[in-house]
């Protein structure tokens, strides 16, 4: 079994089309077909169902693909590890992050790190809370910034960088728009704009509302912070979001109002896997990030 065969197999499995895979690989279609045929002959099984020009994985093909994806991750990590031990200052860091940390937190720490380590490269992936944790566990990312920091997940280790407040974002014509602060219960009759089910920020807000004795009426949903802010700006509802997402500017025709009863907060931190050593460049960034926010917190205090 050759590495080239595995690469061709994975590309065909991804595209379910031999010609499209050949184009992506910049090789002749016949070369791809030949390598797939040789791989199936060596394994003694059919990896694909042929359906005209299209193909799809057989049940055993799906199992084989899962194992090959794991194997390619190991090979890629080995290559990176060799390169980074030769020169950690020129390595690549794979970082996951949610939309709520995309505008300020992540750019701030990367900018500071890059000033000290200008040749380091980054692979950034935005995702939902649970997909980020899963990506770190599977080795698809070296680490992830996220909030809140998971407490029960044994396969990742989390370090809290800071705790942030959640604030209400209201249309500027809202009846509470001129208040200096408000109780969450004062929004019980409003329409809410929240993340969809399964998103951790939705869970935080829903739990806080339930503690105040009401079920929020969710009229609109958005899959990232900018979408939610835009819907509030359009006057379609209210929301409660991390204050840091409003640090640079407020959306037009909105106001932010602190929520004081209850005070809704979340921890923000960085997670790494517990079952494998970080590569040298990733370790540099992880240690820098913890120290950076420690110093920032000391300065603010």
C-alpha atoms as a PDB file:
ATOM      1  CA  UNK A   1       0.000   0.000   0.000  1.00  0.00           C
ATOM      2  CA  UNK A   2       1.506   3.322  -1.098  1.00  0.00           C
ATOM      3  CA  UNK A   3       0.934   6.793   0.277  1.00  0.00           C
ATOM      4  CA  UNK A   4      -0.050   7.972  -3.196  1.00  0.00           C
ATOM      5  CA  UNK A   5      -2.775   5.335  -3.366  1.00  0.00           C
ATOM      6  CA  UNK A   6      -4.188   6.546  -0.056  1.00  0.00           C
ATOM      7  CA  UNK A   7      -4.158  10.163  -1.203  1.00  0.00           C
ATOM      8  CA  UNK A   8      -5.950   9.276  -4.431  1.00  0.00           C
ATOM      9  CA  UNK A   9      -8.475   7.120  -2.592  1.00  0.00           C
ATOM     10  CA  UNK A  10      -9.306   9.901  -0.113  1.00  0.00           C
ATOM     11  CA  UNK A  11      -9.723  12.483  -2.860  1.00  0.00           C
ATOM     12  CA  UNK A  12     -12.113  10.243  -4.810  1.00  0.00           C
ATOM     13  CA  UNK A  13     -14.050   9.470  -1.622  1.00  0.00           C
ATOM     14  CA  UNK A  14     -14.333  13.198  -0.917  1.00  0.00           C
ATOM     15  CA  UNK A  15     -15.611  14.133  -4.384  1.00  0.00           C
ATOM     16  CA  UNK A  16     -17.422  10.898  -5.311  1.00  0.00           C
ATOM     17  CA  UNK A  17     -16.187  11.440  -8.857  1.00  0.00           C
ATOM     18  CA  UNK A  18     -12.948  10.103 -10.363  1.00  0.00           C
ATOM     19  CA  UNK A  19     -12.571  12.849 -12.984  1.00  0.00           C
ATOM     20  CA  UNK A  20     -13.059  15.653 -10.466  1.00  0.00           C
ATOM     21  CA  UNK A  21     -10.566  13.976  -8.131  1.00  0.00           C
ATOM     22  CA  UNK A  22      -8.022  13.728 -10.956  1.00  0.00           C
ATOM     23  CA  UNK A  23      -8.439  17.440 -11.721  1.00  0.00           C
ATOM     24  CA  UNK A  24      -7.932  18.330  -8.071  1.00  0.00           C
ATOM     25  CA  UNK A  25      -4.840  16.120  -7.904  1.00  0.00           C
ATOM     26  CA  UNK A  26      -3.473  17.462 -11.218  1.00  0.00           C
ATOM     27  CA  UNK A  27      -3.042  13.976 -12.662  1.00  0.00           C
ATOM     28  CA  UNK A  28      -4.676  11.971 -15.449  1.00  0.00           C
ATOM     29  CA  UNK A  29      -7.971  10.237 -14.715  1.00  0.00           C
ATOM     30  CA  UNK A  30      -6.449   6.940 -15.812  1.00  0.00           C
ATOM     31  CA  UNK A  31      -3.735   7.291 -13.167  1.00  0.00           C
ATOM     32  CA  UNK A  32      -6.326   7.744 -10.423  1.00  0.00           C
ATOM     33  CA  UNK A  33      -8.421   4.820 -11.670  1.00  0.00           C
ATOM     34  CA  UNK A  34      -5.345   2.587 -11.869  1.00  0.00           C
ATOM     35  CA  UNK A  35      -4.217   3.393  -8.325  1.00  0.00           C
ATOM     36  CA  UNK A  36      -7.710   2.795  -6.920  1.00  0.00           C
ATOM     37  CA  UNK A  37      -7.894  -0.526  -8.800  1.00  0.00           C
ATOM     38  CA  UNK A  38      -4.465  -1.575  -7.462  1.00  0.00           C
ATOM     39  CA  UNK A  39      -5.487  -0.635  -3.926  1.00  0.00           C
ATOM     40  CA  UNK A  40      -8.693  -2.680  -4.138  1.00  0.00           C
ATOM     41  CA  UNK A  41      -6.779  -5.650  -5.567  1.00  0.00           C
ATOM     42  CA  UNK A  42      -4.272  -5.493  -2.731  1.00  0.00           C
ATOM     43  CA  UNK A  43      -7.000  -5.265  -0.082  1.00  0.00           C
ATOM     44  CA  UNK A  44      -9.212  -7.849  -1.780  1.00  0.00           C
ATOM     45  CA  UNK A  45     -12.398  -5.744  -1.444  1.00  0.00           C
ATOM     46  CA  UNK A  46     -14.345  -3.155  -3.431  1.00  0.00           C
ATOM     47  CA  UNK A  47     -14.005   0.262  -1.842  1.00  0.00           C
ATOM     48  CA  UNK A  48     -16.487   1.982  -4.174  1.00  0.00           C
ATOM     49  CA  UNK A  49     -19.804   1.356  -5.867  1.00  0.00           C
ATOM     50  CA  UNK A  50     -19.525   2.490  -9.507  1.00  0.00           C
ATOM     51  CA  UNK A  51     -22.522   4.465 -10.767  1.00  0.00           C
ATOM     52  CA  UNK A  52     -21.645   5.732 -14.226  1.00  0.00           C
ATOM     53  CA  UNK A  53     -19.150   8.553 -13.794  1.00  0.00           C
ATOM     54  CA  UNK A  54     -19.957   8.824 -10.107  1.00  0.00           C
ATOM     55  CA  UNK A  55     -18.760   6.586  -7.301  1.00  0.00           C
ATOM     56  CA  UNK A  56     -19.694   6.166  -3.664  1.00  0.00           C
ATOM     57  CA  UNK A  57     -18.069   4.300  -0.812  1.00  0.00           C
ATOM     58  CA  UNK A  58     -19.068   0.764   0.038  1.00  0.00           C
ATOM     59  CA  UNK A  59     -19.629   0.000   3.737  1.00  0.00           C
ATOM     60  CA  UNK A  60     -16.083  -1.383   4.025  1.00  0.00           C
ATOM     61  CA  UNK A  61     -14.866   1.623   2.054  1.00  0.00           C
ATOM     62  CA  UNK A  62     -16.316   3.949   4.701  1.00  0.00           C
ATOM     63  CA  UNK A  63     -14.526   2.034   7.451  1.00  0.00           C
ATOM     64  CA  UNK A  64     -11.269   2.095   5.487  1.00  0.00           C
ATOM     65  CA  UNK A  65     -11.632   5.868   4.932  1.00  0.00           C
ATOM     66  CA  UNK A  66     -11.988   6.523   8.667  1.00  0.00           C
ATOM     67  CA  UNK A  67      -8.778   4.636   9.383  1.00  0.00           C
ATOM     68  CA  UNK A  68      -6.910   6.328   6.534  1.00  0.00           C
ATOM     69  CA  UNK A  69      -7.964   9.776   7.765  1.00  0.00           C
ATOM     70  CA  UNK A  70      -6.506   8.906  11.173  1.00  0.00           C
ATOM     71  CA  UNK A  71      -3.337   7.577   9.531  1.00  0.00           C
ATOM     72  CA  UNK A  72      -2.875  10.702   7.397  1.00  0.00           C
ATOM     73  CA  UNK A  73      -3.282  12.880  10.490  1.00  0.00           C
ATOM     74  CA  UNK A  74      -0.504  10.896  12.181  1.00  0.00           C
ATOM     75  CA  UNK A  75       1.737  11.233   9.116  1.00  0.00           C
ATOM     76  CA  UNK A  76       1.091  14.966   8.813  1.00  0.00           C
ATOM     77  CA  UNK A  77       1.791  15.487  12.527  1.00  0.00           C
ATOM     78  CA  UNK A  78       5.034  13.544  12.177  1.00  0.00           C
ATOM     79  CA  UNK A  79       6.122  15.761   9.291  1.00  0.00           C
ATOM     80  CA  UNK A  80       5.259  18.892  11.238  1.00  0.00           C
ATOM     81  CA  UNK A  81       7.053  17.622  14.318  1.00  0.00           C
ATOM     82  CA  UNK A  82      10.269  17.021  12.375  1.00  0.00           C
ATOM     83  CA  UNK A  83      10.062  20.460  10.746  1.00  0.00           C
ATOM     84  CA  UNK A  84       9.317  22.245  13.999  1.00  0.00           C
ATOM     85  CA  UNK A  85      12.059  20.546  15.965  1.00  0.00           C
ATOM     86  CA  UNK A  86      14.441  21.765  13.304  1.00  0.00           C
ATOM     87  CA  UNK A  87      13.050  25.306  13.713  1.00  0.00           C
ATOM     88  CA  UNK A  88      10.080  25.985  16.044  1.00  0.00           C
ATOM     89  CA  UNK A  89      10.070  29.613  14.896  1.00  0.00           C
ATOM     90  CA  UNK A  90       8.843  28.555  11.445  1.00  0.00           C
ATOM     91  CA  UNK A  91       6.173  26.046  12.415  1.00  0.00           C
ATOM     92  CA  UNK A  92       2.418  26.110  11.846  1.00  0.00           C
ATOM     93  CA  UNK A  93      -0.218  26.349  14.585  1.00  0.00           C
ATOM     94  CA  UNK A  94      -3.752  25.034  14.042  1.00  0.00           C
ATOM     95  CA  UNK A  95      -6.205  27.008  16.185  1.00  0.00           C
ATOM     96  CA  UNK A  96      -9.959  26.651  16.522  1.00  0.00           C
ATOM     97  CA  UNK A  97     -12.254  29.435  17.683  1.00  0.00           C
ATOM     98  CA  UNK A  98     -15.961  30.383  17.899  1.00  0.00           C
ATOM     99  CA  UNK A  99     -17.462  33.431  16.213  1.00  0.00           C
ATOM    100  CA  UNK A 100     -17.754  35.232  19.561  1.00  0.00           C
ATOM    101  CA  UNK A 101     -13.938  35.343  19.875  1.00  0.00           C
ATOM    102  CA  UNK A 102     -13.199  36.043  16.206  1.00  0.00           C
ATOM    103  CA  UNK A 103     -13.330  39.843  16.149  1.00  0.00           C
ATOM    104  CA  UNK A 104     -11.194  40.773  19.151  1.00  0.00           C
ATOM    105  CA  UNK A 105      -9.782  38.029  21.387  1.00  0.00           C
ATOM    106  CA  UNK A 106      -8.137  35.806  18.769  1.00  0.00           C
ATOM    107  CA  UNK A 107      -6.699  38.658  16.628  1.00  0.00           C
ATOM    108  CA  UNK A 108      -5.325  40.351  19.753  1.00  0.00           C
ATOM    109  CA  UNK A 109      -3.314  37.363  20.947  1.00  0.00           C
ATOM    110  CA  UNK A 110      -2.151  36.348  17.451  1.00  0.00           C
ATOM    111  CA  UNK A 111      -1.001  39.902  16.749  1.00  0.00           C
ATOM    112  CA  UNK A 112       0.983  39.998  19.985  1.00  0.00           C
ATOM    113  CA  UNK A 113       2.512  36.551  19.374  1.00  0.00           C
ATOM    114  CA  UNK A 114       3.415  37.395  15.769  1.00  0.00           C
ATOM    115  CA  UNK A 115       5.429  40.407  16.870  1.00  0.00           C
ATOM    116  CA  UNK A 116       7.726  38.036  18.783  1.00  0.00           C
ATOM    117  CA  UNK A 117       7.545  35.136  16.325  1.00  0.00           C
ATOM    118  CA  UNK A 118       7.005  36.683  12.866  1.00  0.00           C
ATOM    119  CA  UNK A 119       7.699  33.540  10.812  1.00  0.00           C
ATOM    120  CA  UNK A 120       5.118  31.308  12.489  1.00  0.00           C
ATOM    121  CA  UNK A 121       2.135  30.403  10.288  1.00  0.00           C
ATOM    122  CA  UNK A 122      -1.468  29.742  11.296  1.00  0.00           C
ATOM    123  CA  UNK A 123      -4.298  27.482  10.223  1.00  0.00           C
ATOM    124  CA  UNK A 124      -7.498  28.899  11.714  1.00  0.00           C
ATOM    125  CA  UNK A 125     -10.849  27.124  11.902  1.00  0.00           C
ATOM    126  CA  UNK A 126     -14.076  28.660  13.139  1.00  0.00           C
ATOM    127  CA  UNK A 127     -16.590  26.277  14.659  1.00  0.00           C
ATOM    128  CA  UNK A 128     -19.285  25.687  17.246  1.00  0.00           C
ATOM    129  CA  UNK A 129     -18.457  24.865  20.859  1.00  0.00           C
ATOM    130  CA  UNK A 130     -18.778  21.085  20.671  1.00  0.00           C
ATOM    131  CA  UNK A 131     -17.153  20.812  17.237  1.00  0.00           C
ATOM    132  CA  UNK A 132     -14.095  22.676  18.552  1.00  0.00           C
ATOM    133  CA  UNK A 133     -13.714  20.311  21.493  1.00  0.00           C
ATOM    134  CA  UNK A 134     -14.132  17.323  19.166  1.00  0.00           C
ATOM    135  CA  UNK A 135     -11.587  18.765  16.718  1.00  0.00           C
ATOM    136  CA  UNK A 136      -8.952  19.130  19.442  1.00  0.00           C
ATOM    137  CA  UNK A 137      -9.600  15.596  20.697  1.00  0.00           C
ATOM    138  CA  UNK A 138      -9.270  14.145  17.183  1.00  0.00           C
ATOM    139  CA  UNK A 139      -6.080  16.061  16.422  1.00  0.00           C
ATOM    140  CA  UNK A 140      -7.635  18.240  13.723  1.00  0.00           C
ATOM    141  CA  UNK A 141      -6.525  21.285  15.747  1.00  0.00           C
ATOM    142  CA  UNK A 142      -3.645  21.810  18.137  1.00  0.00           C
ATOM    143  CA  UNK A 143      -5.802  23.874  20.494  1.00  0.00           C
ATOM    144  CA  UNK A 144      -8.916  25.997  20.600  1.00  0.00           C
ATOM    145  CA  UNK A 145     -10.004  29.214  22.233  1.00  0.00           C
ATOM    146  CA  UNK A 146     -13.551  28.909  23.514  1.00  0.00           C
ATOM    147  CA  UNK A 147     -15.979  29.775  26.247  1.00  0.00           C
ATOM    148  CA  UNK A 148     -17.046  28.532  28.640  1.00  0.00           C
ATOM    149  CA  UNK A 149     -14.055  26.339  29.467  1.00  0.00           C
ATOM    150  CA  UNK A 150     -15.294  22.715  29.710  1.00  0.00           C
ATOM    151  CA  UNK A 151     -15.031  21.156  33.162  1.00  0.00           C
ATOM    152  CA  UNK A 152     -16.163  17.572  32.619  1.00  0.00           C
ATOM    153  CA  UNK A 153     -14.380  16.676  29.363  1.00  0.00           C
ATOM    154  CA  UNK A 154     -11.480  14.411  30.366  1.00  0.00           C
ATOM    155  CA  UNK A 155      -9.871  14.316  26.903  1.00  0.00           C
ATOM    156  CA  UNK A 156      -8.989  18.015  26.925  1.00  0.00           C
ATOM    157  CA  UNK A 157      -7.292  20.245  29.455  1.00  0.00           C
ATOM    158  CA  UNK A 158      -8.672  23.763  29.746  1.00  0.00           C
ATOM    159  CA  UNK A 159      -7.020  26.863  31.151  1.00  0.00           C
ATOM    160  CA  UNK A 160      -9.239  29.850  32.004  1.00  0.00           C
ATOM    161  CA  UNK A 161      -7.846  33.071  30.530  1.00  0.00           C
ATOM    162  CA  UNK A 162     -10.528  35.442  31.826  1.00  0.00           C
ATOM    163  CA  UNK A 163     -14.179  35.662  32.827  1.00  0.00           C
ATOM    164  CA  UNK A 164     -16.433  37.985  30.875  1.00  0.00           C
ATOM    165  CA  UNK A 165     -19.842  39.505  31.435  1.00  0.00           C
ATOM    166  CA  UNK A 166     -22.813  39.049  29.147  1.00  0.00           C
ATOM    167  CA  UNK A 167     -24.781  42.183  28.307  1.00  0.00           C
ATOM    168  CA  UNK A 168     -28.176  42.870  26.774  1.00  0.00           C
ATOM    169  CA  UNK A 169     -28.183  44.252  23.241  1.00  0.00           C
ATOM    170  CA  UNK A 170     -31.394  46.144  22.526  1.00  0.00           C
ATOM    171  CA  UNK A 171     -32.824  48.149  19.613  1.00  0.00           C
ATOM    172  CA  UNK A 172     -32.363  51.824  20.441  1.00  0.00           C
ATOM    173  CA  UNK A 173     -36.152  52.346  20.546  1.00  0.00           C
ATOM    174  CA  UNK A 174     -36.632  49.615  23.157  1.00  0.00           C
ATOM    175  CA  UNK A 175     -38.436  50.727  26.319  1.00  0.00           C
ATOM    176  CA  UNK A 176     -35.368  49.860  28.428  1.00  0.00           C
ATOM    177  CA  UNK A 177     -32.814  51.392  26.033  1.00  0.00           C
ATOM    178  CA  UNK A 178     -32.160  54.390  28.310  1.00  0.00           C
ATOM    179  CA  UNK A 179     -31.546  52.333  31.455  1.00  0.00           C
ATOM    180  CA  UNK A 180     -28.074  52.061  32.995  1.00  0.00           C
ATOM    181  CA  UNK A 181     -28.724  48.423  33.884  1.00  0.00           C
ATOM    182  CA  UNK A 182     -31.597  45.952  33.903  1.00  0.00           C
ATOM    183  CA  UNK A 183     -32.797  42.698  35.341  1.00  0.00           C
ATOM    184  CA  UNK A 184     -33.036  39.797  32.941  1.00  0.00           C
ATOM    185  CA  UNK A 185     -36.655  39.300  34.006  1.00  0.00           C
ATOM    186  CA  UNK A 186     -37.478  42.720  32.517  1.00  0.00           C
ATOM    187  CA  UNK A 187     -37.039  41.117  29.078  1.00  0.00           C
ATOM    188  CA  UNK A 188     -39.481  38.259  29.688  1.00  0.00           C
ATOM    189  CA  UNK A 189     -42.062  39.700  27.263  1.00  0.00           C
ATOM    190  CA  UNK A 190     -39.570  40.437  24.476  1.00  0.00           C
ATOM    191  CA  UNK A 191     -38.723  38.436  21.380  1.00  0.00           C
ATOM    192  CA  UNK A 192     -35.183  37.045  21.595  1.00  0.00           C
ATOM    193  CA  UNK A 193     -32.581  36.589  18.881  1.00  0.00           C
ATOM    194  CA  UNK A 194     -30.343  33.644  19.840  1.00  0.00           C
ATOM    195  CA  UNK A 195     -28.036  31.014  18.437  1.00  0.00           C
ATOM    196  CA  UNK A 196     -29.751  27.781  17.259  1.00  0.00           C
ATOM    197  CA  UNK A 197     -30.217  24.770  19.516  1.00  0.00           C
ATOM    198  CA  UNK A 198     -26.938  23.043  20.306  1.00  0.00           C
ATOM    199  CA  UNK A 199     -24.915  26.253  20.637  1.00  0.00           C
ATOM    200  CA  UNK A 200     -23.419  26.868  24.062  1.00  0.00           C
ATOM    201  CA  UNK A 201     -24.254  30.590  24.198  1.00  0.00           C
ATOM    202  CA  UNK A 202     -27.914  29.733  23.693  1.00  0.00           C
ATOM    203  CA  UNK A 203     -27.697  27.268  26.593  1.00  0.00           C
ATOM    204  CA  UNK A 204     -26.156  29.914  28.867  1.00  0.00           C
ATOM    205  CA  UNK A 205     -28.884  32.452  28.100  1.00  0.00           C
ATOM    206  CA  UNK A 206     -31.739  29.936  28.275  1.00  0.00           C
ATOM    207  CA  UNK A 207     -30.511  28.673  31.657  1.00  0.00           C
ATOM    208  CA  UNK A 208     -30.265  32.222  33.016  1.00  0.00           C
ATOM    209  CA  UNK A 209     -33.836  32.963  31.852  1.00  0.00           C
ATOM    210  CA  UNK A 210     -35.140  29.735  33.393  1.00  0.00           C
ATOM    211  CA  UNK A 211     -33.531  30.683  36.699  1.00  0.00           C
ATOM    212  CA  UNK A 212     -35.553  33.892  36.536  1.00  0.00           C
ATOM    213  CA  UNK A 213     -38.740  31.942  35.984  1.00  0.00           C
ATOM    214  CA  UNK A 214     -39.466  32.428  32.298  1.00  0.00           C
ATOM    215  CA  UNK A 215     -39.021  30.756  28.935  1.00  0.00           C
ATOM    216  CA  UNK A 216     -37.703  33.272  26.385  1.00  0.00           C
ATOM    217  CA  UNK A 217     -39.643  33.627  23.158  1.00  0.00           C
ATOM    218  CA  UNK A 218     -37.034  32.984  20.453  1.00  0.00           C
ATOM    219  CA  UNK A 219     -38.293  34.653  17.291  1.00  0.00           C
ATOM    220  CA  UNK A 220     -35.107  34.570  15.212  1.00  0.00           C
ATOM    221  CA  UNK A 221     -31.851  32.598  15.212  1.00  0.00           C
ATOM    222  CA  UNK A 222     -28.401  33.389  13.868  1.00  0.00           C
ATOM    223  CA  UNK A 223     -25.403  31.071  13.544  1.00  0.00           C
ATOM    224  CA  UNK A 224     -22.777  33.713  14.299  1.00  0.00           C
ATOM    225  CA  UNK A 225     -22.468  36.835  16.418  1.00  0.00           C
ATOM    226  CA  UNK A 226     -22.617  39.251  13.482  1.00  0.00           C
ATOM    227  CA  UNK A 227     -25.898  37.746  12.273  1.00  0.00           C
ATOM    228  CA  UNK A 228     -27.431  38.060  15.736  1.00  0.00           C
ATOM    229  CA  UNK A 229     -26.271  41.673  16.108  1.00  0.00           C
ATOM    230  CA  UNK A 230     -27.656  42.458  12.661  1.00  0.00           C
ATOM    231  CA  UNK A 231     -31.096  41.063  13.535  1.00  0.00           C
ATOM    232  CA  UNK A 232     -31.207  43.141  16.726  1.00  0.00           C
ATOM    233  CA  UNK A 233     -30.097  46.176  14.732  1.00  0.00           C
ATOM    234  CA  UNK A 234     -33.068  45.575  12.420  1.00  0.00           C
ATOM    235  CA  UNK A 235     -35.395  45.752  15.420  1.00  0.00           C
ATOM    236  CA  UNK A 236     -36.395  42.084  15.286  1.00  0.00           C
ATOM    237  CA  UNK A 237     -35.678  41.303  18.937  1.00  0.00           C
ATOM    238  CA  UNK A 238     -33.267  41.531  21.849  1.00  0.00           C
ATOM    239  CA  UNK A 239     -30.335  39.346  22.796  1.00  0.00           C
ATOM    240  CA  UNK A 240     -27.759  38.725  25.495  1.00  0.00           C
ATOM    241  CA  UNK A 241     -24.202  38.354  24.227  1.00  0.00           C
ATOM    242  CA  UNK A 242     -20.611  38.503  25.507  1.00  0.00           C
ATOM    243  CA  UNK A 243     -19.578  42.100  26.113  1.00  0.00           C
ATOM    244  CA  UNK A 244     -16.276  41.527  24.326  1.00  0.00           C
ATOM    245  CA  UNK A 245     -18.127  41.117  21.020  1.00  0.00           C
ATOM    246  CA  UNK A 246     -19.129  44.791  21.274  1.00  0.00           C
ATOM    247  CA  UNK A 247     -15.741  46.118  22.347  1.00  0.00           C
ATOM    248  CA  UNK A 248     -14.928  47.976  19.121  1.00  0.00           C
ATOM    249  CA  UNK A 249     -18.356  49.337  18.220  1.00  0.00           C
ATOM    250  CA  UNK A 250     -22.075  48.886  18.615  1.00  0.00           C
ATOM    251  CA  UNK A 251     -24.225  47.913  15.655  1.00  0.00           C
ATOM    252  CA  UNK A 252     -26.230  50.847  14.327  1.00  0.00           C
ATOM    253  CA  UNK A 253     -29.507  51.619  16.097  1.00  0.00           C
ATOM    254  CA  UNK A 254     -28.667  49.463  19.128  1.00  0.00           C
ATOM    255  CA  UNK A 255     -27.635  50.020  22.724  1.00  0.00           C
ATOM    256  CA  UNK A 256     -25.939  47.719  25.211  1.00  0.00           C
ATOM    257  CA  UNK A 257     -27.216  47.540  28.759  1.00  0.00           C
ATOM    258  CA  UNK A 258     -25.499  45.611  31.585  1.00  0.00           C
ATOM    259  CA  UNK A 259     -27.518  42.762  33.062  1.00  0.00           C
ATOM    260  CA  UNK A 260     -27.197  42.884  36.850  1.00  0.00           C
ATOM    261  CA  UNK A 261     -29.797  40.391  38.069  1.00  0.00           C
ATOM    262  CA  UNK A 262     -28.573  37.791  37.573  1.00  0.00           C
ATOM    263  CA  UNK A 263     -25.103  38.723  36.415  1.00  0.00           C
ATOM    264  CA  UNK A 264     -24.598  36.368  33.466  1.00  0.00           C
ATOM    265  CA  UNK A 265     -20.968  35.438  32.818  1.00  0.00           C
ATOM    266  CA  UNK A 266     -18.875  32.874  30.998  1.00  0.00           C
ATOM    267  CA  UNK A 267     -15.289  31.748  31.324  1.00  0.00           C
ATOM    268  CA  UNK A 268     -13.071  32.074  28.257  1.00  0.00           C
ATOM    269  CA  UNK A 269     -10.012  29.910  27.882  1.00  0.00           C
ATOM    270  CA  UNK A 270      -7.786  27.703  25.794  1.00  0.00           C
ATOM    271  CA  UNK A 271      -8.029  23.914  25.525  1.00  0.00           C
ATOM    272  CA  UNK A 272      -5.412  21.358  24.510  1.00  0.00           C
ATOM    273  CA  UNK A 273      -5.572  17.546  24.271  1.00  0.00           C
ATOM    274  CA  UNK A 274      -4.626  15.488  27.311  1.00  0.00           C
ATOM    275  CA  UNK A 275      -3.423  12.402  25.427  1.00  0.00           C
ATOM    276  CA  UNK A 276      -0.630  13.794  23.269  1.00  0.00           C
ATOM    277  CA  UNK A 277       2.280  16.186  23.452  1.00  0.00           C
ATOM    278  CA  UNK A 278       1.989  19.496  21.672  1.00  0.00           C
ATOM    279  CA  UNK A 279       4.423  20.272  18.893  1.00  0.00           C
ATOM    280  CA  UNK A 280       7.082  22.872  19.739  1.00  0.00           C
ATOM    281  CA  UNK A 281       5.481  25.820  17.910  1.00  0.00           C
ATOM    282  CA  UNK A 282       2.036  25.092  19.325  1.00  0.00           C
ATOM    283  CA  UNK A 283       3.556  24.814  22.797  1.00  0.00           C
ATOM    284  CA  UNK A 284       5.168  28.229  22.340  1.00  0.00           C
ATOM    285  CA  UNK A 285       1.804  29.762  21.446  1.00  0.00           C
ATOM    286  CA  UNK A 286      -0.050  28.011  24.273  1.00  0.00           C
ATOM    287  CA  UNK A 287       2.407  29.212  26.904  1.00  0.00           C
ATOM    288  CA  UNK A 288       2.469  32.720  25.406  1.00  0.00           C
ATOM    289  CA  UNK A 289      -1.334  32.968  25.420  1.00  0.00           C
ATOM    290  CA  UNK A 290      -1.624  32.036  29.097  1.00  0.00           C
ATOM    291  CA  UNK A 291       1.084  34.519  30.081  1.00  0.00           C
ATOM    292  CA  UNK A 292      -0.352  37.235  27.808  1.00  0.00           C
ATOM    293  CA  UNK A 293      -3.799  37.165  29.402  1.00  0.00           C
ATOM    294  CA  UNK A 294      -2.314  36.847  32.892  1.00  0.00           C
ATOM    295  CA  UNK A 295      -0.338  40.049  32.311  1.00  0.00           C
ATOM    296  CA  UNK A 296      -3.360  41.726  30.697  1.00  0.00           C
ATOM    297  CA  UNK A 297      -5.522  40.844  33.689  1.00  0.00           C
ATOM    298  CA  UNK A 298      -2.907  42.139  36.121  1.00  0.00           C
ATOM    299  CA  UNK A 299      -2.683  45.411  34.202  1.00  0.00           C
ATOM    300  CA  UNK A 300      -6.470  45.853  34.117  1.00  0.00           C
ATOM    301  CA  UNK A 301      -6.753  45.131  37.824  1.00  0.00           C
END
